Protein backbone atom coordinates (compact mmCIF):
# COMPACT_ATOMS: atom_id res chain seq x y z
CA MET A 1 6.59 -7.79 -0.49
CA ARG A 2 2.84 -7.78 -0.14
CA ALA A 3 0.31 -5.07 -0.67
CA VAL A 4 -3.39 -4.71 -0.12
CA LEU A 5 -4.71 -2.10 -2.54
CA GLN A 6 -8.00 -0.39 -1.88
CA ARG A 7 -9.51 2.02 -4.36
CA VAL A 8 -10.80 4.86 -2.19
CA SER A 9 -12.88 8.01 -2.47
CA LYS A 10 -10.88 9.33 0.49
CA ALA A 11 -8.63 8.01 3.22
CA ARG A 12 -6.58 9.25 6.12
CA VAL A 13 -4.21 8.02 8.79
CA LEU A 14 -4.23 9.27 12.36
CA VAL A 15 -1.58 8.80 15.03
CA GLY A 16 -2.65 9.77 18.53
CA GLY A 17 -5.63 11.66 17.11
CA GLU A 18 -3.42 13.71 14.75
CA THR A 19 -3.88 13.34 10.99
CA VAL A 20 -0.51 12.41 9.49
CA GLY A 21 -1.67 11.53 5.95
CA VAL A 22 -4.80 12.24 3.95
CA ILE A 23 -5.84 11.69 0.33
CA GLY A 24 -8.84 12.11 -1.91
CA LYS A 25 -9.69 9.74 -4.76
CA GLY A 26 -6.94 7.23 -5.27
CA ILE A 27 -5.40 4.11 -3.77
CA LEU A 28 -4.67 3.18 -0.18
CA VAL A 29 -1.74 0.75 -0.04
CA LEU A 30 -1.15 -1.40 3.03
CA LEU A 31 2.45 -2.48 2.48
CA GLY A 32 4.23 -5.41 4.13
CA VAL A 33 7.93 -6.23 3.74
CA SER A 34 9.34 -9.73 4.14
CA VAL A 35 12.81 -10.92 5.08
CA LYS A 36 13.36 -11.94 1.44
CA ASP A 37 12.45 -8.61 -0.17
CA LYS A 38 14.79 -6.42 -2.19
CA GLU A 39 14.39 -3.10 -3.99
CA ALA A 40 13.24 -4.99 -7.10
CA ASP A 41 10.18 -6.17 -5.14
CA ALA A 42 9.29 -2.57 -4.26
CA VAL A 43 9.73 -1.42 -7.86
CA TYR A 44 7.54 -4.26 -9.13
CA LEU A 45 4.74 -3.56 -6.62
CA LEU A 46 4.82 0.18 -7.23
CA GLU A 47 4.65 -0.20 -11.00
CA LYS A 48 1.83 -2.70 -10.70
CA THR A 49 -0.05 -0.47 -8.24
CA ILE A 50 0.06 2.72 -10.27
CA ASN A 51 -0.63 1.03 -13.61
CA LEU A 52 -3.48 -1.32 -12.64
CA ARG A 53 -6.60 -0.37 -14.57
CA ILE A 54 -9.03 -0.18 -11.64
CA PHE A 55 -10.60 3.24 -12.23
CA ASP A 56 -13.59 3.91 -14.44
CA ASP A 57 -13.24 5.52 -17.84
CA ALA A 58 -15.89 7.79 -19.39
CA ASP A 59 -18.01 4.71 -20.17
CA GLY A 60 -17.93 3.41 -16.60
CA LYS A 61 -15.54 0.54 -17.37
CA MET A 62 -12.42 -0.12 -15.31
CA ASN A 63 -9.93 0.94 -17.99
CA ASN A 64 -7.95 3.69 -16.27
CA SER A 65 -5.00 3.53 -13.90
CA LEU A 66 -3.96 5.82 -11.07
CA LEU A 67 -1.55 7.44 -13.52
CA ASP A 68 -4.35 7.98 -16.05
CA ASN A 69 -6.64 9.58 -13.45
CA GLY A 70 -4.00 11.61 -11.61
CA GLY A 71 -5.24 10.15 -8.32
CA ASP A 72 -3.58 10.14 -4.92
CA LEU A 73 -1.65 7.42 -3.12
CA LEU A 74 -1.60 6.72 0.62
CA VAL A 75 1.03 4.20 1.73
CA VAL A 76 0.79 2.60 5.18
CA SER A 77 3.31 0.08 6.50
CA GLN A 78 1.75 -3.12 7.81
CA PHE A 79 4.03 -5.93 8.95
CA THR A 80 1.01 -8.07 9.85
CA LEU A 81 0.59 -8.88 6.15
CA PHE A 82 3.32 -11.45 6.83
CA GLY A 83 1.59 -12.95 9.84
CA ASP A 84 1.43 -16.74 9.58
CA SER A 85 -1.63 -18.03 11.41
CA ARG A 86 -1.59 -21.63 10.20
CA ARG A 87 -0.54 -22.99 13.59
CA GLY A 88 -1.88 -22.10 16.99
CA ARG A 89 -3.83 -18.99 17.84
CA ARG A 90 -1.08 -16.39 17.81
CA PRO A 91 0.28 -15.41 14.38
CA SER A 92 4.00 -15.77 13.79
CA TYR A 93 5.77 -12.82 12.17
CA ILE A 94 9.03 -14.60 11.47
CA ASP A 95 8.69 -13.86 7.73
CA ALA A 96 8.31 -10.09 8.28
CA ALA A 97 11.46 -8.04 7.75
CA ARG A 98 13.25 -6.53 10.73
CA PRO A 99 12.10 -2.93 11.34
CA GLU A 100 15.28 -1.31 9.99
CA GLU A 101 15.11 -3.12 6.65
CA ALA A 102 11.33 -2.88 6.42
CA ASN A 103 11.52 0.89 6.92
CA ARG A 104 14.28 1.21 4.32
CA LEU A 105 12.23 -0.61 1.68
CA TYR A 106 9.02 1.18 2.71
CA GLU A 107 10.77 4.55 2.29
CA PHE A 108 12.26 3.36 -1.01
CA PHE A 109 8.75 2.49 -2.27
CA VAL A 110 7.43 5.91 -1.16
CA SER A 111 10.35 7.84 -2.71
CA LYS A 112 9.87 6.07 -6.06
CA ALA A 113 6.12 6.76 -5.89
CA ARG A 114 6.71 10.48 -5.30
CA LYS A 115 8.61 10.66 -8.59
CA GLN A 116 5.52 9.49 -10.51
CA ILE A 117 2.42 10.43 -8.51
CA ARG A 118 1.55 14.06 -7.76
CA ARG A 119 0.29 13.39 -4.22
CA VAL A 120 1.74 10.65 -2.06
CA GLU A 121 0.95 10.55 1.65
CA THR A 122 2.07 8.09 4.31
CA GLY A 123 1.33 6.79 7.74
CA ARG A 124 4.02 6.74 10.41
CA PHE A 125 6.30 3.72 10.43
CA GLN A 126 6.00 1.56 13.59
CA ALA A 127 3.28 3.78 15.06
CA MET A 128 -0.13 2.65 16.26
CA MET A 129 -2.31 4.09 13.51
CA ASP A 130 -6.02 4.54 12.88
CA VAL A 131 -6.73 4.21 9.16
CA GLU A 132 -10.01 5.63 7.92
CA LEU A 133 -11.17 5.04 4.38
CA VAL A 134 -14.13 5.03 2.08
CA ASN A 135 -13.59 2.02 -0.16
CA ASP A 136 -14.82 2.98 -3.63
CA GLY A 137 -16.60 0.08 -5.28
CA PRO A 138 -15.51 -1.70 -3.18
CA VAL A 139 -12.34 -2.52 -5.08
CA THR A 140 -9.68 -4.37 -3.09
CA LEU A 141 -6.75 -6.31 -4.56
CA LEU A 142 -3.88 -8.34 -3.13
CA LEU A 143 -0.41 -8.16 -4.66
CA ASP A 144 2.58 -10.31 -3.74
CA SER A 145 5.94 -9.75 -5.41
CA GLU A 146 7.02 -13.30 -4.57
CA LYS A 147 4.38 -14.59 -6.97
CA ALA A 148 5.69 -12.34 -9.75
CA PHE A 149 9.26 -13.58 -10.08
């Protein structure tokens, strides 16, 4: 499982011009699921995401986590994180999970997040989405559960 984390001042997801998810200060997560992923991968990425110390403390140092700050979380599915563009000009998505399993693990990630974070919003799985954000910092990190185990 891969995630692109962006610390944001605000973010929202639109589908067909309709806002389906919106947050204030927090983290936007672009989440990709691979054919190898299990629930343990989702748990690992969620725990890492909400506990990373990427928010400023009172002294302006990145010492606080999303849990410390009580920030929001916006989770958007993005199978293209498993696009392999090493050969040719068209990426291969053979490593991305099939939609049914990807959605199951995406929803698992979101349900676990909702038990720990006061405000969790989402995009719409398999929809064409417009994602708007104000990257705060900018702070952007890449996480890959395969590199953790």
